[in-house]
Amino acid sequence: MNEITTPQASAGRRVVLVHGATSGPWVFDGWAARWPGEDVRIPDLQEGLDVAHATMTDYANRVLAAVDDQPAVLCGWSMGGLVAMMAARHCQPTALVVIEPSVPAEIDGGDPDWPLETGTYDAESVYGPSVPGMRHRPESLLGRCERKRGISIPAINCPLLVVAGRDYVATRGRPVAEYYGADLVEFPELSHFQLVGDQQVRDAVAQWAGSVAHPQPSS
């Protein structure tokens, strides 16, 4: 499936958490507890797909299926940040959070000549050593090739928070926040992998999303 399906908005709210490349829903273990009373969904982007042929559009459609016509807060980490941005272009989220996302073509220009290849790859051969306890699985090489070619996100039409740690603040965090006019929160003591597992990041994301989705009346 290479066309992004577009849901229509309706009543209610949910939170959709989007995992990164070579990972899965388990990276958001513990996050739902920070959203009491909310309908938290953590889709498995690979579920039901031939991973060797999975595209970024396939992944975005998984997010839109989880949104399921509801006003939603979208939050994506790493590749999942770019997937969430793609999905946000085809729904009307109340807020969007990206945690050191893979960058759109508007940030790094992409490489239109990057060859598109099918297959899978493993995390350490491409990204290097992970943190202890971080579980990985084979990921779509085609999706990575698409990211290398460049995926365009011309604009984000909802409140946007960019979260950055020490690894990619200069290449992902600040450039994305500046281009889209987003809020930026930095955690210089945390690595890329640590960001998704740290309690203070969860707290900051939930607090920000609550403030923009349910703003306090002016005094």
Protein backbone atom coordinates (compact mmCIF):
# COMPACT_ATOMS: atom_id res chain seq x y z
CA MET A 1 0.00 0.00 0.00
CA ASN A 2 1.66 3.24 -1.14
CA GLU A 3 -1.16 5.77 -0.68
CA ILE A 4 -1.71 7.27 2.76
CA THR A 5 -5.30 6.87 3.86
CA THR A 6 -6.84 10.00 5.36
CA PRO A 7 -9.22 9.69 8.36
CA GLN A 8 -11.82 12.30 9.26
CA ALA A 9 -11.86 13.94 12.70
CA SER A 10 -14.48 13.08 15.35
CA ALA A 11 -15.00 13.41 19.11
CA GLY A 12 -12.69 12.01 21.77
CA ARG A 13 -8.92 11.98 22.25
CA ARG A 14 -6.18 9.41 22.27
CA VAL A 15 -2.40 9.29 22.48
CA VAL A 16 -0.51 7.39 19.79
CA LEU A 17 3.14 6.51 20.51
CA VAL A 18 5.29 5.59 17.51
CA HIS A 19 8.43 3.48 17.91
CA GLY A 20 11.63 3.80 15.91
CA ALA A 21 13.53 1.67 13.42
CA THR A 22 14.64 -1.81 14.54
CA SER A 23 12.53 -1.42 17.70
CA GLY A 24 8.90 -2.02 18.60
CA PRO A 25 6.09 -0.99 20.95
CA TRP A 26 8.11 -2.22 23.95
CA VAL A 27 10.29 0.92 23.86
CA PHE A 28 7.31 2.80 25.31
CA ASP A 29 6.91 0.48 28.30
CA GLY A 30 5.80 2.63 31.21
CA TRP A 31 4.64 5.57 29.12
CA ALA A 32 0.91 4.82 29.37
CA ALA A 33 1.01 5.36 33.14
CA ARG A 34 1.96 8.99 32.49
CA TRP A 35 -1.31 9.50 30.58
CA PRO A 36 -4.03 8.56 33.11
CA GLY A 37 -7.51 8.69 31.65
CA GLU A 38 -6.23 8.85 28.07
CA ASP A 39 -6.67 6.22 25.37
CA VAL A 40 -3.03 5.29 24.75
CA ARG A 41 -2.26 3.30 21.59
CA ILE A 42 1.19 1.95 20.72
CA PRO A 43 0.95 0.39 17.26
CA ASP A 44 3.46 -2.15 16.00
CA LEU A 45 4.52 -0.60 12.70
CA GLN A 46 5.65 -3.96 11.33
CA GLU A 47 2.55 -5.96 12.24
CA GLY A 48 1.09 -7.81 9.25
CA LEU A 49 3.73 -6.47 6.85
CA ASP A 50 6.45 -8.13 4.80
CA VAL A 51 9.20 -6.16 6.52
CA ALA A 52 11.60 -6.58 3.61
CA HIS A 53 9.17 -4.60 1.43
CA ALA A 54 7.67 -2.26 4.06
CA THR A 55 7.63 1.42 3.14
CA MET A 56 7.46 4.55 5.23
CA THR A 57 3.94 5.06 3.88
CA ASP A 58 3.00 1.62 5.21
CA TYR A 59 4.23 2.73 8.61
CA ALA A 60 2.36 6.05 8.44
CA ASN A 61 -0.82 4.15 7.64
CA ARG A 62 -0.32 2.05 10.80
CA VAL A 63 -0.31 5.28 12.79
CA LEU A 64 -3.43 6.59 11.03
CA ALA A 65 -5.20 3.31 11.78
CA ALA A 66 -4.34 3.80 15.45
CA VAL A 67 -5.66 7.37 15.32
CA ASP A 68 -8.91 5.92 13.91
CA ASP A 69 -10.71 9.21 13.29
CA GLN A 70 -10.05 10.51 16.84
CA PRO A 71 -8.39 13.78 17.87
CA ALA A 72 -5.01 12.52 18.99
CA VAL A 73 -1.64 13.45 20.39
CA LEU A 74 1.05 11.84 18.24
CA CYS A 75 4.48 11.14 19.73
CA GLY A 76 7.25 9.47 17.76
CA TRP A 77 10.85 8.57 18.58
CA SER A 78 13.67 8.42 16.00
CA MET A 79 12.28 7.00 12.74
CA GLY A 80 8.90 7.02 14.45
CA GLY A 81 9.15 10.79 14.72
CA LEU A 82 9.28 11.10 10.93
CA VAL A 83 6.48 8.54 10.60
CA ALA A 84 4.37 10.61 13.02
CA MET A 85 5.10 13.73 10.99
CA MET A 86 3.96 11.95 7.82
CA ALA A 87 0.76 10.83 9.54
CA ALA A 88 0.13 14.32 10.93
CA ARG A 89 -0.08 15.61 7.37
CA HIS A 90 -3.13 13.38 6.82
CA CYS A 91 -5.04 13.82 10.05
CA GLN A 92 -5.66 16.65 12.50
CA PRO A 93 -3.70 15.87 15.67
CA THR A 94 -4.16 18.12 18.66
CA ALA A 95 -0.41 18.02 19.20
CA LEU A 96 2.71 16.36 17.80
CA VAL A 97 5.89 15.39 19.66
CA VAL A 98 9.04 14.16 17.92
CA ILE A 99 11.95 12.78 19.91
CA GLU A 100 15.19 13.15 17.91
CA PRO A 101 13.31 12.28 14.71
CA SER A 102 14.73 11.11 11.43
CA VAL A 103 14.82 14.40 9.57
CA PRO A 104 12.62 15.35 6.61
CA ALA A 105 14.17 16.35 3.30
CA GLU A 106 13.61 20.01 4.20
CA ILE A 107 16.35 19.68 6.84
CA ASP A 108 19.15 17.77 5.10
CA GLY A 109 18.11 17.87 1.43
CA GLY A 110 18.03 14.10 1.09
CA ASP A 111 19.77 12.26 -1.75
CA PRO A 112 17.38 11.70 -4.69
CA ASP A 113 19.89 9.31 -6.27
CA TRP A 114 20.00 6.96 -3.27
CA PRO A 115 19.05 3.51 -4.64
CA LEU A 116 15.86 1.86 -3.39
CA GLU A 117 16.61 -1.67 -2.18
CA THR A 118 14.38 -4.23 -0.52
CA GLY A 119 15.49 -6.44 2.32
CA THR A 120 16.21 -5.99 6.03
CA TYR A 121 19.06 -4.78 8.21
CA ASP A 122 19.99 -5.12 11.87
CA ALA A 123 20.51 -2.29 14.33
CA GLU A 124 24.15 -2.60 15.32
CA SER A 125 25.46 -3.00 11.76
CA VAL A 126 23.96 0.38 10.85
CA TYR A 127 23.65 2.36 14.11
CA GLY A 128 26.44 0.90 16.19
CA PRO A 129 26.22 -0.37 19.79
CA SER A 130 22.96 0.16 21.64
CA VAL A 131 22.34 0.61 25.34
CA PRO A 132 22.12 -2.44 27.61
CA GLY A 133 18.66 -3.99 27.61
CA MET A 134 17.50 -2.34 24.38
CA ARG A 135 15.72 -4.98 22.30
CA HIS A 136 16.05 -4.86 18.50
CA ARG A 137 14.67 -6.71 15.48
CA PRO A 138 15.30 -6.65 11.69
CA GLU A 139 14.11 -3.46 9.99
CA SER A 140 13.03 -2.53 6.47
CA LEU A 141 15.95 -1.61 4.25
CA LEU A 142 13.48 -0.09 1.79
CA GLY A 143 12.18 2.28 4.45
CA ARG A 144 15.74 3.34 5.30
CA CYS A 145 16.46 3.95 1.61
CA GLU A 146 13.37 6.14 1.41
CA ARG A 147 14.60 8.16 4.38
CA LYS A 148 18.01 8.53 2.74
CA ARG A 149 16.36 9.75 -0.46
CA GLY A 150 14.39 12.27 1.54
CA ILE A 151 10.77 12.44 2.69
CA SER A 152 9.24 15.89 2.37
CA ILE A 153 7.24 17.40 5.22
CA PRO A 154 6.60 20.96 4.00
CA ALA A 155 4.76 22.11 7.12
CA ILE A 156 3.26 20.95 10.41
CA ASN A 157 -0.14 22.46 11.14
CA CYS A 158 -0.48 21.70 14.85
CA PRO A 159 1.51 22.48 18.00
CA LEU A 160 4.89 20.71 17.74
CA LEU A 161 7.44 19.80 20.41
CA VAL A 162 10.93 18.60 19.50
CA VAL A 163 12.87 16.67 22.16
CA ALA A 164 16.63 16.27 21.82
CA GLY A 165 19.43 14.66 23.80
CA ARG A 166 23.19 14.84 23.44
CA ASP A 167 23.59 12.75 20.27
CA TYR A 168 21.60 14.62 17.63
CA VAL A 169 20.71 18.01 19.05
CA ALA A 170 22.69 19.79 16.31
CA THR A 171 21.49 17.64 13.41
CA ARG A 172 17.94 16.68 14.41
CA GLY A 173 16.77 18.65 17.42
CA ARG A 174 17.52 22.30 16.79
CA PRO A 175 17.22 22.25 12.97
CA VAL A 176 13.79 20.58 13.08
CA ALA A 177 12.53 22.92 15.80
CA GLU A 178 13.81 25.99 13.94
CA TYR A 179 12.42 24.97 10.54
CA TYR A 180 8.91 24.23 11.83
CA GLY A 181 8.79 26.93 14.50
CA ALA A 182 8.43 24.28 17.21
CA ASP A 183 9.06 24.23 20.93
CA LEU A 184 12.34 22.56 21.86
CA VAL A 185 13.30 20.71 25.04
CA GLU A 186 16.86 19.46 25.45
CA PHE A 187 18.21 16.71 27.71
CA PRO A 188 21.97 17.01 27.17
CA GLU A 189 22.74 14.21 29.63
CA LEU A 190 20.73 11.59 27.70
CA SER A 191 21.72 9.58 24.62
CA HIS A 192 19.40 8.93 21.70
CA PHE A 193 18.36 5.55 23.11
CA GLN A 194 18.05 6.81 26.67
CA LEU A 195 15.57 9.52 25.68
CA VAL A 196 12.75 7.07 25.05
CA GLY A 197 13.25 5.29 28.36
CA ASP A 198 13.79 8.20 30.73
CA GLN A 199 11.07 9.25 33.17
CA GLN A 200 11.85 12.95 32.93
CA VAL A 201 11.32 12.84 29.16
CA ARG A 202 7.94 11.17 29.62
CA ASP A 203 6.96 13.80 32.17
CA ALA A 204 8.04 16.69 29.94
CA VAL A 205 6.21 15.29 26.92
CA ALA A 206 2.99 14.65 28.84
CA GLN A 207 3.09 18.06 30.52
CA TRP A 208 3.66 19.91 27.24
CA ALA A 209 1.01 17.93 25.36
CA GLY A 210 -1.50 18.54 28.13
CA SER A 211 -0.80 22.26 28.08
CA VAL A 212 -1.38 22.66 24.34
CA ALA A 213 -4.21 20.15 24.00
CA HIS A 214 -6.04 21.42 27.11
CA PRO A 215 -4.80 25.02 27.49
CA GLN A 216 -5.56 26.87 30.70
CA PRO A 217 -7.89 29.88 30.37
CA SER A 218 -6.29 33.31 30.54
CA SER A 219 -6.58 35.08 33.90
